[in-house]
Amino acid sequence: QLNSRESVQKALQGKSAWADIFLVPFGTRERIGGLI
């Protein structure tokens, strides 16, 4: 989870970014609409 939508876009373009890091345990599924 990055600080802003702009940070997400920068990371997707290959730029470094700070983020909160979460472990996604095996068996975790996305909900309807792609929400976790």
Full PDB file with SEQRES, HELIX, SHEET, SSBOND, CRYST1, ORIGX, SCALE, CONECT and MASTER records, all heavy atoms in Angstrom:
SEQRES   1 A   36  GLN LEU ASN SER ARG GLU SER VAL GLN LYS ALA LEU GLN          
SEQRES   2 A   36  GLY LYS SER ALA TRP ALA ASP ILE PHE LEU VAL PRO PHE          
SEQRES   3 A   36  GLY THR ARG GLU ARG ILE GLY GLY LEU ILE                      
HELIX    1 AA1 ARG A    5  LEU A   12  1                                   8    
CRYST1    1.000    1.000    1.000  90.00  90.00  90.00 P 1           1          
ORIGX1      1.000000  0.000000  0.000000        0.00000                         
ORIGX2      0.000000  1.000000  0.000000        0.00000                         
ORIGX3      0.000000  0.000000  1.000000        0.00000                         
SCALE1      1.000000  0.000000  0.000000        0.00000                         
SCALE2      0.000000  1.000000  0.000000        0.00000                         
SCALE3      0.000000  0.000000  1.000000        0.00000                         
ATOM      1  N   GLN A   1       0.862  -1.178   0.000  1.00  0.00           N  
ATOM      2  CA  GLN A   1       0.000   0.000   0.000  1.00  0.00           C  
ATOM      3  C   GLN A   1       0.898   1.227   0.000  1.00  0.00           C  
ATOM      4  O   GLN A   1       1.593   1.497   0.966  1.00  0.00           O  
ATOM      5  CB  GLN A   1      -0.914   0.032   1.207  1.00  0.00           C  
ATOM      6  CG  GLN A   1      -1.831   1.229   1.168  1.00  0.00           C  
ATOM      7  CD  GLN A   1      -2.608   1.415   2.454  1.00  0.00           C  
ATOM      8  OE1 GLN A   1      -2.613   0.558   3.310  1.00  0.00           O  
ATOM      9  NE2 GLN A   1      -3.244   2.545   2.562  1.00  0.00           N  
ATOM     10  N   LEU A   2       0.882   1.938  -1.112  1.00  0.00           N  
ATOM     11  CA  LEU A   2       1.707   3.124  -1.256  1.00  0.00           C  
ATOM     12  C   LEU A   2       0.957   4.349  -0.757  1.00  0.00           C  
ATOM     13  O   LEU A   2      -0.235   4.293  -0.489  1.00  0.00           O  
ATOM     14  CB  LEU A   2       2.135   3.288  -2.715  1.00  0.00           C  
ATOM     15  CG  LEU A   2       3.107   2.174  -3.144  1.00  0.00           C  
ATOM     16  CD1 LEU A   2       2.375   1.005  -3.715  1.00  0.00           C  
ATOM     17  CD2 LEU A   2       4.134   2.693  -4.079  1.00  0.00           C  
ATOM     18  N   ASN A   3       1.669   5.475  -0.626  1.00  0.00           N  
ATOM     19  CA  ASN A   3       1.103   6.686  -0.027  1.00  0.00           C  
ATOM     20  C   ASN A   3       0.009   7.335  -0.850  1.00  0.00           C  
ATOM     21  O   ASN A   3      -0.850   8.019  -0.311  1.00  0.00           O  
ATOM     22  CB  ASN A   3       2.202   7.712   0.222  1.00  0.00           C  
ATOM     23  CG  ASN A   3       3.244   7.181   1.179  1.00  0.00           C  
ATOM     24  OD1 ASN A   3       2.983   6.260   1.928  1.00  0.00           O  
ATOM     25  ND2 ASN A   3       4.428   7.742   1.151  1.00  0.00           N  
ATOM     26  N   SER A   4       0.034   7.185  -2.172  1.00  0.00           N  
ATOM     27  CA  SER A   4      -0.948   7.861  -3.025  1.00  0.00           C  
ATOM     28  C   SER A   4      -1.110   7.104  -4.332  1.00  0.00           C  
ATOM     29  O   SER A   4      -0.306   6.240  -4.669  1.00  0.00           O  
ATOM     30  CB  SER A   4      -0.489   9.296  -3.320  1.00  0.00           C  
ATOM     31  OG  SER A   4       0.693   9.264  -4.100  1.00  0.00           O  
ATOM     32  N   ARG A   5      -2.136   7.459  -5.087  1.00  0.00           N  
ATOM     33  CA  ARG A   5      -2.339   6.851  -6.403  1.00  0.00           C  
ATOM     34  C   ARG A   5      -1.183   7.191  -7.337  1.00  0.00           C  
ATOM     35  O   ARG A   5      -0.797   6.392  -8.169  1.00  0.00           O  
ATOM     36  CB  ARG A   5      -3.668   7.305  -6.994  1.00  0.00           C  
ATOM     37  CG  ARG A   5      -4.862   6.718  -6.268  1.00  0.00           C  
ATOM     38  CD  ARG A   5      -6.182   7.011  -6.968  1.00  0.00           C  
ATOM     39  NE  ARG A   5      -7.292   6.405  -6.256  1.00  0.00           N  
ATOM     40  CZ  ARG A   5      -7.727   5.160  -6.449  1.00  0.00           C  
ATOM     41  NH1 ARG A   5      -7.138   4.406  -7.341  1.00  0.00           N  
ATOM     42  NH2 ARG A   5      -8.753   4.687  -5.766  1.00  0.00           N  
ATOM     43  N   GLU A   6      -0.610   8.395  -7.178  1.00  0.00           N  
ATOM     44  CA  GLU A   6       0.532   8.788  -7.996  1.00  0.00           C  
ATOM     45  C   GLU A   6       1.736   7.891  -7.693  1.00  0.00           C  
ATOM     46  O   GLU A   6       2.477   7.498  -8.598  1.00  0.00           O  
ATOM     47  CB  GLU A   6       0.903  10.263  -7.752  1.00  0.00           C  
ATOM     48  CG  GLU A   6      -0.133  11.254  -8.253  1.00  0.00           C  
ATOM     49  CD  GLU A   6      -1.326  11.402  -7.304  1.00  0.00           C  
ATOM     50  OE1 GLU A   6      -1.204  11.159  -6.088  1.00  0.00           O  
ATOM     51  OE2 GLU A   6      -2.412  11.753  -7.801  1.00  0.00           O  
ATOM     52  N   SER A   7       1.931   7.541  -6.417  1.00  0.00           N  
ATOM     53  CA  SER A   7       3.029   6.644  -6.036  1.00  0.00           C  
ATOM     54  C   SER A   7       2.832   5.258  -6.644  1.00  0.00           C  
ATOM     55  O   SER A   7       3.788   4.614  -7.059  1.00  0.00           O  
ATOM     56  CB  SER A   7       3.126   6.530  -4.517  1.00  0.00           C  
ATOM     57  OG  SER A   7       3.472   7.757  -3.945  1.00  0.00           O  
ATOM     58  N   VAL A   8       1.582   4.800  -6.683  1.00  0.00           N  
ATOM     59  CA  VAL A   8       1.281   3.500  -7.303  1.00  0.00           C  
ATOM     60  C   VAL A   8       1.659   3.547  -8.781  1.00  0.00           C  
ATOM     61  O   VAL A   8       2.324   2.639  -9.294  1.00  0.00           O  
ATOM     62  CB  VAL A   8      -0.206   3.122  -7.129  1.00  0.00           C  
ATOM     63  CG1 VAL A   8      -0.559   1.903  -7.965  1.00  0.00           C  
ATOM     64  CG2 VAL A   8      -0.526   2.877  -5.664  1.00  0.00           C  
ATOM     65  N   GLN A   9       1.267   4.609  -9.466  1.00  0.00           N  
ATOM     66  CA  GLN A   9       1.583   4.737 -10.896  1.00  0.00           C  
ATOM     67  C   GLN A   9       3.097   4.781 -11.127  1.00  0.00           C  
ATOM     68  O   GLN A   9       3.614   4.145 -12.051  1.00  0.00           O  
ATOM     69  CB  GLN A   9       0.921   5.984 -11.487  1.00  0.00           C  
ATOM     70  CG  GLN A   9      -0.590   5.889 -11.559  1.00  0.00           C  
ATOM     71  CD  GLN A   9      -1.073   4.662 -12.318  1.00  0.00           C  
ATOM     72  OE1 GLN A   9      -0.537   4.287 -13.343  1.00  0.00           O  
ATOM     73  NE2 GLN A   9      -2.090   4.005 -11.782  1.00  0.00           N  
ATOM     74  N   LYS A  10       3.825   5.506 -10.270  1.00  0.00           N  
ATOM     75  CA  LYS A  10       5.281   5.581 -10.396  1.00  0.00           C  
ATOM     76  C   LYS A  10       5.919   4.208 -10.196  1.00  0.00           C  
ATOM     77  O   LYS A  10       6.820   3.823 -10.923  1.00  0.00           O  
ATOM     78  CB  LYS A  10       5.856   6.595  -9.407  1.00  0.00           C  
ATOM     79  CG  LYS A  10       5.572   8.025  -9.798  1.00  0.00           C  
ATOM     80  CD  LYS A  10       6.156   8.983  -8.783  1.00  0.00           C  
ATOM     81  CE  LYS A  10       5.822  10.420  -9.161  1.00  0.00           C  
ATOM     82  NZ  LYS A  10       6.336  11.373  -8.183  1.00  0.00           N  
ATOM     83  N   ALA A  11       5.427   3.462  -9.190  1.00  0.00           N  
ATOM     84  CA  ALA A  11       5.963   2.120  -8.932  1.00  0.00           C  
ATOM     85  C   ALA A  11       5.683   1.194 -10.113  1.00  0.00           C  
ATOM     86  O   ALA A  11       6.542   0.387 -10.498  1.00  0.00           O  
ATOM     87  CB  ALA A  11       5.362   1.547  -7.656  1.00  0.00           C  
ATOM     88  N   LEU A  12       4.504   1.310 -10.711  1.00  0.00           N  
ATOM     89  CA  LEU A  12       4.169   0.484 -11.874  1.00  0.00           C  
ATOM     90  C   LEU A  12       5.034   0.841 -13.080  1.00  0.00           C  
ATOM     91  O   LEU A  12       5.207   0.030 -13.989  1.00  0.00           O  
ATOM     92  CB  LEU A  12       2.685   0.634 -12.228  1.00  0.00           C  
ATOM     93  CG  LEU A  12       1.707   0.034 -11.218  1.00  0.00           C  
ATOM     94  CD1 LEU A  12       0.279   0.417 -11.578  1.00  0.00           C  
ATOM     95  CD2 LEU A  12       1.862  -1.477 -11.137  1.00  0.00           C  
ATOM     96  N   GLN A  13       5.606   2.050 -13.090  1.00  0.00           N  
ATOM     97  CA  GLN A  13       6.510   2.480 -14.153  1.00  0.00           C  
ATOM     98  C   GLN A  13       7.964   2.114 -13.853  1.00  0.00           C  
ATOM     99  O   GLN A  13       8.849   2.413 -14.638  1.00  0.00           O  
ATOM    100  CB  GLN A  13       6.400   3.990 -14.360  1.00  0.00           C  
ATOM    101  CG  GLN A  13       5.058   4.429 -14.876  1.00  0.00           C  
ATOM    102  CD  GLN A  13       4.882   5.940 -14.804  1.00  0.00           C  
ATOM    103  OE1 GLN A  13       5.769   6.678 -14.408  1.00  0.00           O  
ATOM    104  NE2 GLN A  13       3.696   6.398 -15.195  1.00  0.00           N  
ATOM    105  N   GLY A  14       8.209   1.490 -12.686  1.00  0.00           N  
ATOM    106  CA  GLY A  14       9.557   1.046 -12.357  1.00  0.00           C  
ATOM    107  C   GLY A  14      10.345   1.970 -11.455  1.00  0.00           C  
ATOM    108  O   GLY A  14      11.532   1.769 -11.243  1.00  0.00           O  
ATOM    109  N   LYS A  15       9.693   2.970 -10.897  1.00  0.00           N  
ATOM    110  CA  LYS A  15      10.374   3.898  -9.995  1.00  0.00           C  
ATOM    111  C   LYS A  15      10.261   3.400  -8.559  1.00  0.00           C  
ATOM    112  O   LYS A  15       9.289   2.759  -8.184  1.00  0.00           O  
ATOM    113  CB  LYS A  15       9.795   5.302 -10.133  1.00  0.00           C  
ATOM    114  CG  LYS A  15      10.001   5.852 -11.530  1.00  0.00           C  
ATOM    115  CD  LYS A  15       9.393   7.207 -11.693  1.00  0.00           C  
ATOM    116  CE  LYS A  15       9.639   7.666 -13.131  1.00  0.00           C  
ATOM    117  NZ  LYS A  15       8.741   8.695 -13.547  1.00  0.00           N  
ATOM    118  N   SER A  16      11.271   3.710  -7.742  1.00  0.00           N  
ATOM    119  CA  SER A  16      11.281   3.304  -6.340  1.00  0.00           C  
ATOM    120  C   SER A  16      10.184   4.018  -5.567  1.00  0.00           C  
ATOM    121  O   SER A  16       9.840   5.153  -5.876  1.00  0.00           O  
ATOM    122  CB  SER A  16      12.632   3.629  -5.708  1.00  0.00           C  
ATOM    123  OG  SER A  16      13.660   2.969  -6.393  1.00  0.00           O  
ATOM    124  N   ALA A  17       9.671   3.353  -4.530  1.00  0.00           N  
ATOM    125  CA  ALA A  17       8.612   3.955  -3.720  1.00  0.00           C  
ATOM    126  C   ALA A  17       8.592   3.308  -2.342  1.00  0.00           C  
ATOM    127  O   ALA A  17       8.964   2.147  -2.176  1.00  0.00           O  
ATOM    128  CB  ALA A  17       7.261   3.767  -4.397  1.00  0.00           C  
ATOM    129  N   TRP A  18       8.128   4.081  -1.349  1.00  0.00           N  
ATOM    130  CA  TRP A  18       7.926   3.580   0.008  1.00  0.00           C  
ATOM    131  C   TRP A  18       6.507   3.037   0.112  1.00  0.00           C  
ATOM    132  O   TRP A  18       5.602   3.544  -0.518  1.00  0.00           O  
ATOM    133  CB  TRP A  18       8.122   4.702   1.022  1.00  0.00           C  
ATOM    134  CG  TRP A  18       9.549   5.134   1.130  1.00  0.00           C  
ATOM    135  CD1 TRP A  18      10.124   6.192   0.496  1.00  0.00           C  
ATOM    136  CD2 TRP A  18      10.571   4.505   1.890  1.00  0.00           C  
ATOM    137  NE1 TRP A  18      11.453   6.257   0.826  1.00  0.00           N  
ATOM    138  CE2 TRP A  18      11.763   5.236   1.679  1.00  0.00           C  
ATOM    139  CE3 TRP A  18      10.618   3.406   2.730  1.00  0.00           C  
ATOM    140  CZ2 TRP A  18      12.964   4.900   2.285  1.00  0.00           C  
ATOM    141  CZ3 TRP A  18      11.820   3.066   3.332  1.00  0.00           C  
ATOM    142  CH2 TRP A  18      12.967   3.805   3.116  1.00  0.00           C  
ATOM    143  N   ALA A  19       6.337   1.990   0.945  1.00  0.00           N  
ATOM    144  CA  ALA A  19       5.009   1.373   1.068  1.00  0.00           C  
ATOM    145  C   ALA A  19       4.856   0.650   2.394  1.00  0.00           C  
ATOM    146  O   ALA A  19       5.844   0.209   2.989  1.00  0.00           O  
ATOM    147  CB  ALA A  19       4.807   0.369  -0.066  1.00  0.00           C  
ATOM    148  N   ASP A  20       3.603   0.532   2.834  1.00  0.00           N  
ATOM    149  CA  ASP A  20       3.271  -0.401   3.908  1.00  0.00           C  
ATOM    150  C   ASP A  20       3.210  -1.776   3.265  1.00  0.00           C  
ATOM    151  O   ASP A  20       2.621  -1.936   2.189  1.00  0.00           O  
ATOM    152  CB  ASP A  20       1.923  -0.053   4.544  1.00  0.00           C  
ATOM    153  CG  ASP A  20       2.047   1.023   5.604  1.00  0.00           C  
ATOM    154  OD1 ASP A  20       2.806   0.808   6.563  1.00  0.00           O  
ATOM    155  OD2 ASP A  20       1.383   2.056   5.458  1.00  0.00           O  
ATOM    156  N   ILE A  21       3.806  -2.765   3.916  1.00  0.00           N  
ATOM    157  CA  ILE A  21       3.930  -4.102   3.328  1.00  0.00           C  
ATOM    158  C   ILE A  21       3.054  -5.078   4.114  1.00  0.00           C  
ATOM    159  O   ILE A  21       3.162  -5.174   5.333  1.00  0.00           O  
ATOM    160  CB  ILE A  21       5.404  -4.562   3.333  1.00  0.00           C  
ATOM    161  CG1 ILE A  21       6.248  -3.544   2.559  1.00  0.00           C  
ATOM    162  CG2 ILE A  21       5.532  -5.962   2.758  1.00  0.00           C  
ATOM    163  CD1 ILE A  21       7.737  -3.719   2.729  1.00  0.00           C  
ATOM    164  N   PHE A  22       2.205  -5.789   3.374  1.00  0.00           N  
ATOM    165  CA  PHE A  22       1.302  -6.770   3.964  1.00  0.00           C  
ATOM    166  C   PHE A  22       1.569  -8.142   3.362  1.00  0.00           C  
ATOM    167  O   PHE A  22       1.778  -8.274   2.162  1.00  0.00           O  
ATOM    168  CB  PHE A  22      -0.161  -6.410   3.680  1.00  0.00           C  
ATOM    169  CG  PHE A  22      -0.634  -5.149   4.327  1.00  0.00           C  
ATOM    170  CD1 PHE A  22      -0.447  -3.923   3.720  1.00  0.00           C  
ATOM    171  CD2 PHE A  22      -1.293  -5.192   5.548  1.00  0.00           C  
ATOM    172  CE1 PHE A  22      -0.898  -2.753   4.301  1.00  0.00           C  
ATOM    173  CE2 PHE A  22      -1.753  -4.021   6.145  1.00  0.00           C  
ATOM    174  CZ  PHE A  22      -1.545  -2.811   5.522  1.00  0.00           C  
ATOM    175  N   LEU A  23       1.519  -9.156   4.195  1.00  0.00           N  
ATOM    176  CA  LEU A  23       1.593 -10.547   3.760  1.00  0.00           C  
ATOM    177  C   LEU A  23       0.186 -10.971   3.351  1.00  0.00           C  
ATOM    178  O   LEU A  23      -0.779 -10.688   4.056  1.00  0.00           O  
ATOM    179  CB  LEU A  23       2.063 -11.385   4.949  1.00  0.00           C  
ATOM    180  CG  LEU A  23       2.609 -12.769   4.731  1.00  0.00           C  
ATOM    181  CD1 LEU A  23       3.953 -12.683   4.021  1.00  0.00           C  
ATOM    182  CD2 LEU A  23       2.783 -13.452   6.077  1.00  0.00           C  
ATOM    183  N   VAL A  24       0.072 -11.633   2.207  1.00  0.00           N  
ATOM    184  CA  VAL A  24      -1.217 -12.152   1.733  1.00  0.00           C  
ATOM    185  C   VAL A  24      -1.182 -13.670   1.934  1.00  0.00           C  
ATOM    186  O   VAL A  24      -0.575 -14.385   1.137  1.00  0.00           O  
ATOM    187  CB  VAL A  24      -1.452 -11.817   0.240  1.00  0.00           C  
ATOM    188  CG1 VAL A  24      -2.813 -12.329  -0.212  1.00  0.00           C  
ATOM    189  CG2 VAL A  24      -1.317 -10.322  -0.015  1.00  0.00           C  
ATOM    190  N   PRO A  25      -1.755 -14.182   3.025  1.00  0.00           N  
ATOM    191  CA  PRO A  25      -1.685 -15.623   3.305  1.00  0.00           C  
ATOM    192  C   PRO A  25      -2.296 -16.461   2.179  1.00  0.00           C  
ATOM    193  O   PRO A  25      -3.218 -16.017   1.492  1.00  0.00           O  
ATOM    194  CB  PRO A  25      -2.497 -15.783   4.588  1.00  0.00           C  
ATOM    195  CG  PRO A  25      -2.520 -14.428   5.211  1.00  0.00           C  
ATOM    196  CD  PRO A  25      -2.491 -13.468   4.054  1.00  0.00           C  
ATOM    197  N   PHE A  26      -1.761 -17.684   1.990  1.00  0.00           N  
ATOM    198  CA  PHE A  26      -2.353 -18.603   1.031  1.00  0.00           C  
ATOM    199  C   PHE A  26      -3.838 -18.747   1.355  1.00  0.00           C  
ATOM    200  O   PHE A  26      -4.233 -18.789   2.506  1.00  0.00           O  
ATOM    201  CB  PHE A  26      -1.690 -19.986   1.100  1.00  0.00           C  
ATOM    202  CG  PHE A  26      -0.384 -20.084   0.376  1.00  0.00           C  
ATOM    203  CD1 PHE A  26       0.726 -20.617   0.998  1.00  0.00           C  
ATOM    204  CD2 PHE A  26      -0.244 -19.647  -0.930  1.00  0.00           C  
ATOM    205  CE1 PHE A  26       1.937 -20.723   0.340  1.00  0.00           C  
ATOM    206  CE2 PHE A  26       0.951 -19.744  -1.610  1.00  0.00           C  
ATOM    207  CZ  PHE A  26       2.044 -20.284  -0.970  1.00  0.00           C  
ATOM    208  N   GLY A  27      -4.670 -18.797   0.340  1.00  0.00           N  
ATOM    209  CA  GLY A  27      -6.103 -18.963   0.530  1.00  0.00           C  
ATOM    210  C   GLY A  27      -6.871 -17.649   0.590  1.00  0.00           C  
ATOM    211  O   GLY A  27      -8.090 -17.658   0.584  1.00  0.00           O  
ATOM    212  N   THR A  28      -6.170 -16.517   0.665  1.00  0.00           N  
ATOM    213  CA  THR A  28      -6.853 -15.225   0.662  1.00  0.00           C  
ATOM    214  C   THR A  28      -7.364 -14.962  -0.743  1.00  0.00           C  
ATOM    215  O   THR A  28      -6.621 -15.070  -1.705  1.00  0.00           O  
ATOM    216  CB  THR A  28      -5.889 -14.090   1.089  1.00  0.00           C  
ATOM    217  OG1 THR A  28      -5.380 -14.395   2.377  1.00  0.00           O  
ATOM    218  CG2 THR A  28      -6.594 -12.755   1.109  1.00  0.00           C  
ATOM    219  N   ARG A  29      -8.638 -14.614  -0.839  1.00  0.00           N  
ATOM    220  CA  ARG A  29      -9.237 -14.377  -2.157  1.00  0.00           C  
ATOM    221  C   ARG A  29      -9.704 -12.945  -2.277  1.00  0.00           C  
ATOM    222  O   ARG A  29     -10.127 -12.341  -1.301  1.00  0.00           O  
ATOM    223  CB  ARG A  29     -10.428 -15.304  -2.374  1.00  0.00           C  
ATOM    224  CG  ARG A  29     -10.053 -16.761  -2.411  1.00  0.00           C  
ATOM    225  CD  ARG A  29     -11.276 -17.600  -2.521  1.00  0.00           C  
ATOM    226  NE  ARG A  29     -12.207 -17.173  -1.468  1.00  0.00           N  
ATOM    227  CZ  ARG A  29     -13.413 -17.616  -1.310  1.00  0.00           C  
ATOM    228  NH1 ARG A  29     -13.878 -18.509  -2.118  1.00  0.00           N  
ATOM    229  NH2 ARG A  29     -14.201 -17.185  -0.336  1.00  0.00           N  
ATOM    230  N   GLU A  30      -9.654 -12.461  -3.485  1.00  0.00           N  
ATOM    231  CA  GLU A  30     -10.210 -11.139  -3.745  1.00  0.00           C  
ATOM    232  C   GLU A  30     -11.732 -11.255  -3.714  1.00  0.00           C  
ATOM    233  O   GLU A  30     -12.303 -12.237  -4.132  1.00  0.00           O  
ATOM    234  CB  GLU A  30      -9.764 -10.631  -5.114  1.00  0.00           C  
ATOM    235  CG  GLU A  30      -8.305 -10.290  -5.177  1.00  0.00           C  
ATOM    236  CD  GLU A  30      -7.888  -9.739  -6.521  1.00  0.00           C  
ATOM    237  OE1 GLU A  30      -8.733  -9.144  -7.207  1.00  0.00           O  
ATOM    238  OE2 GLU A  30      -6.731  -9.923  -6.881  1.00  0.00           O  
ATOM    239  N   ARG A  31     -12.359 -10.228  -3.212  1.00  0.00           N  
ATOM    240  CA  ARG A  31     -13.814 -10.162  -3.165  1.00  0.00           C  
ATOM    241  C   ARG A  31     -14.353  -9.680  -4.509  1.00  0.00           C  
ATOM    242  O   ARG A  31     -13.601  -9.281  -5.389  1.00  0.00           O  
ATOM    243  CB  ARG A  31     -14.263  -9.198  -2.066  1.00  0.00           C  
ATOM    244  CG  ARG A  31     -13.754  -9.572  -0.698  1.00  0.00           C  
ATOM    245  CD  ARG A  31     -14.508 -10.797  -0.196  1.00  0.00           C  
ATOM    246  NE  ARG A  31     -14.168 -11.023   1.194  1.00  0.00           N  
ATOM    247  CZ  ARG A  31     -13.689 -12.150   1.662  1.00  0.00           C  
ATOM    248  NH1 ARG A  31     -13.463 -13.151   0.859  1.00  0.00           N  
ATOM    249  NH2 ARG A  31     -13.428 -12.308   2.928  1.00  0.00           N  
ATOM    250  N   ILE A  32     -15.660  -9.637  -4.630  1.00  0.00           N  
ATOM    251  CA  ILE A  32     -16.289  -9.114  -5.841  1.00  0.00           C  
ATOM    252  C   ILE A  32     -15.796  -7.696  -6.070  1.00  0.00           C  
ATOM    253  O   ILE A  32     -15.730  -6.892  -5.145  1.00  0.00           O  
ATOM    254  CB  ILE A  32     -17.826  -9.147  -5.701  1.00  0.00           C  
ATOM    255  CG1 ILE A  32     -18.290 -10.597  -5.591  1.00  0.00           C  
ATOM    256  CG2 ILE A  32     -18.498  -8.427  -6.860  1.00  0.00           C  
ATOM    257  CD1 ILE A  32     -19.744 -10.762  -5.258  1.00  0.00           C  
ATOM    258  N   GLY A  33     -15.420  -7.386  -7.278  1.00  0.00           N  
ATOM    259  CA  GLY A  33     -14.884  -6.069  -7.590  1.00  0.00           C  
ATOM    260  C   GLY A  33     -13.392  -5.977  -7.378  1.00  0.00           C  
ATOM    261  O   GLY A  33     -12.806  -4.919  -7.533  1.00  0.00           O  
ATOM    262  N   GLY A  34     -12.744  -7.073  -6.986  1.00  0.00           N  
ATOM    263  CA  GLY A  34     -11.294  -7.084  -6.838  1.00  0.00           C  
ATOM    264  C   GLY A  34     -10.772  -6.563  -5.518  1.00  0.00           C  
ATOM    265  O   GLY A  34      -9.581  -6.338  -5.370  1.00  0.00           O  
ATOM    266  N   LEU A  35     -11.649  -6.374  -4.530  1.00  0.00           N  
ATOM    267  CA  LEU A  35     -11.201  -5.862  -3.231  1.00  0.00           C  
ATOM    268  C   LEU A  35     -10.561  -6.961  -2.393  1.00  0.00           C  
ATOM    269  O   LEU A  35     -11.020  -8.100  -2.380  1.00  0.00           O  
ATOM    270  CB  LEU A  35     -12.380  -5.287  -2.443  1.00  0.00           C  
ATOM    271  CG  LEU A  35     -12.987  -3.995  -2.953  1.00  0.00           C  
ATOM    272  CD1 LEU A  35     -14.198  -3.642  -2.105  1.00  0.00           C  
ATOM    273  CD2 LEU A  35     -11.976  -2.878  -2.939  1.00  0.00           C  
ATOM    274  N   ILE A  36      -9.517  -6.589  -1.664  1.00  0.00           N  
ATOM    275  CA  ILE A  36      -8.902  -7.457  -0.666  1.00  0.00           C  
ATOM    276  C   ILE A  36      -9.259  -6.868   0.687  1.00  0.00           C  
ATOM    277  O   ILE A  36      -9.134  -5.662   0.893  1.00  0.00           O  
ATOM    278  CB  ILE A  36      -7.371  -7.504  -0.835  1.00  0.00           C  
ATOM    279  CG1 ILE A  36      -7.011  -8.056  -2.213  1.00  0.00           C  
ATOM    280  CG2 ILE A  36      -6.737  -8.337   0.269  1.00  0.00           C  
ATOM    281  CD1 ILE A  36      -5.554  -7.928  -2.558  1.00  0.00           C  
TER     282      ILE A  36                                                      
MASTER        0    0    0    1    0    0    0    6  281    1    0    3          
END                                                                             
